[in-house]
Amino acid sequence: QVQVVESGGGLVQAGGSLRLSCAASGSGFSINYMRWYRRAPGNDRELVATIPRFGGTYLADSVKGRFAISRDNAKNTVYLQMNSLKPEDTGVYFCNVDITTPTSARNYWGQGTQVTVSS
């Protein structure tokens, strides 16, 4: 059974930093794309960053120059380093991963972690 769990959210002042982590647990699978989404209060969920197993990353224009996505394939973990945080970065951040086993391919979501940036 695969589980995807985020951690690292919290309350921070504007200009501060947070690092989110998301780990996929279980066995017998491989992970291709790993993504971070966020949902701000009153808004739809938006894609923040993506990273494939190998290759380049994608960052939304709203976070370029401030956020960075990385992963540790040995640990099945993806990170989102968030610097120069702004109040508009407030929201619930969700991890999303594409997991493949010998018999299936599925997309998994984590439960979300709250990020609150105070002005």
Protein backbone atom coordinates (compact mmCIF):
# COMPACT_ATOMS: atom_id res chain seq x y z
CA GLN A 1 0.00 0.00 0.00
CA VAL A 2 1.44 3.35 -1.08
CA GLN A 3 1.12 6.36 1.20
CA VAL A 4 2.08 9.93 0.39
CA VAL A 5 2.69 12.21 3.36
CA GLU A 6 3.67 15.87 3.41
CA SER A 7 5.39 17.72 6.24
CA GLY A 8 7.06 21.04 6.94
CA GLY A 9 4.21 23.52 6.81
CA GLY A 10 3.68 26.18 9.42
CA LEU A 11 3.38 29.87 10.19
CA VAL A 12 6.09 32.24 9.01
CA GLN A 13 6.48 35.97 8.60
CA ALA A 14 6.68 37.54 5.17
CA GLY A 15 10.20 37.28 3.82
CA GLY A 16 10.84 34.05 5.69
CA SER A 17 11.48 30.53 4.46
CA LEU A 18 9.97 27.09 4.80
CA ARG A 19 10.91 23.71 3.39
CA LEU A 20 8.19 21.23 2.59
CA SER A 21 8.83 17.51 2.27
CA CYS A 22 6.73 14.76 0.76
CA ALA A 23 7.60 11.10 1.09
CA ALA A 24 6.02 8.14 -0.66
CA SER A 25 6.17 4.98 1.40
CA GLY A 26 5.65 1.37 0.41
CA SER A 27 7.55 -0.99 -1.83
CA GLY A 28 7.69 -2.34 -5.34
CA PHE A 29 7.04 0.90 -7.16
CA SER A 30 8.83 3.61 -9.07
CA ILE A 31 7.95 7.29 -9.24
CA ASN A 32 8.01 9.43 -12.35
CA TYR A 33 6.66 12.93 -11.89
CA MET A 34 6.37 14.53 -8.46
CA ARG A 35 4.45 17.78 -8.10
CA TRP A 36 3.44 20.42 -5.60
CA TYR A 37 0.05 22.11 -5.79
CA ARG A 38 -1.45 24.69 -3.51
CA ARG A 39 -4.93 25.93 -2.76
CA ALA A 40 -5.23 29.44 -1.40
CA PRO A 41 -8.38 30.41 0.54
CA GLY A 42 -11.22 30.95 -1.92
CA ASN A 43 -9.18 29.85 -4.91
CA ASP A 44 -8.88 26.73 -7.02
CA ARG A 45 -5.93 24.42 -6.61
CA GLU A 46 -2.96 25.56 -8.71
CA LEU A 47 0.19 23.82 -9.85
CA VAL A 48 3.28 25.25 -8.18
CA ALA A 49 6.15 23.02 -9.29
CA THR A 50 6.94 19.71 -10.98
CA ILE A 51 10.01 17.51 -11.23
CA PRO A 52 10.41 14.30 -13.25
CA ARG A 53 12.54 11.38 -12.13
CA PHE A 54 15.29 12.69 -14.35
CA GLY A 55 15.38 16.01 -16.12
CA GLY A 56 14.39 19.62 -15.72
CA THR A 57 11.91 21.19 -13.36
CA TYR A 58 8.91 23.47 -13.79
CA LEU A 59 8.02 26.38 -11.53
CA ALA A 60 4.94 28.56 -11.80
CA ASP A 61 5.67 32.16 -12.73
CA SER A 62 4.37 33.33 -9.36
CA VAL A 63 7.12 31.46 -7.49
CA LYS A 64 10.07 31.61 -9.91
CA GLY A 65 13.16 33.02 -8.25
CA ARG A 66 11.78 32.24 -4.78
CA PHE A 67 10.90 28.54 -4.71
CA ALA A 68 12.89 25.49 -5.74
CA ILE A 69 11.79 21.88 -6.17
CA SER A 70 14.13 18.94 -5.73
CA ARG A 71 13.91 15.23 -5.04
CA ASP A 72 15.82 12.33 -3.56
CA ASN A 73 14.98 9.27 -5.62
CA ALA A 74 16.60 6.92 -3.11
CA LYS A 75 14.20 8.19 -0.44
CA ASN A 76 11.15 8.61 -2.73
CA THR A 77 10.95 12.14 -1.42
CA VAL A 78 10.30 15.51 -3.02
CA TYR A 79 11.07 18.86 -1.44
CA LEU A 80 9.84 22.40 -1.97
CA GLN A 81 12.19 25.07 -0.67
CA MET A 82 10.24 28.29 -0.29
CA ASN A 83 12.14 31.54 0.24
CA SER A 84 11.08 35.18 0.34
CA LEU A 85 7.58 34.08 1.25
CA LYS A 86 4.68 36.45 0.67
CA PRO A 87 1.21 36.53 2.27
CA GLU A 88 -0.23 35.42 -1.08
CA ASP A 89 1.72 32.16 -0.73
CA THR A 90 -0.63 31.21 2.09
CA GLY A 91 -2.59 28.05 1.46
CA VAL A 92 -2.69 24.30 1.75
CA TYR A 93 0.15 22.66 -0.16
CA PHE A 94 -0.43 19.24 -1.64
CA CYS A 95 2.02 16.70 -2.96
CA ASN A 96 1.05 14.72 -6.05
CA VAL A 97 3.01 11.78 -7.46
CA ASP A 98 2.78 9.37 -10.40
CA ILE A 99 3.54 5.87 -9.13
CA THR A 100 4.10 2.84 -11.32
CA THR A 101 4.15 -0.80 -10.27
CA PRO A 102 4.58 -3.87 -12.49
CA THR A 103 0.80 -4.03 -12.85
CA SER A 104 -0.52 -0.50 -12.52
CA ALA A 105 0.05 3.23 -12.87
CA ARG A 106 -1.68 5.60 -10.47
CA ASN A 107 -1.66 9.14 -9.31
CA TYR A 108 -1.55 9.76 -5.55
CA TRP A 109 -2.26 12.83 -3.44
CA GLY A 110 -1.01 13.65 0.01
CA GLN A 111 -3.29 15.04 2.70
CA GLY A 112 -1.89 18.56 2.44
CA THR A 113 0.10 20.77 4.75
CA GLN A 114 -0.88 24.30 5.76
CA VAL A 115 1.43 27.21 5.02
CA THR A 116 0.52 30.57 6.51
CA VAL A 117 2.53 33.70 5.76
CA SER A 118 1.81 36.70 7.94
CA SER A 119 2.40 40.27 6.78
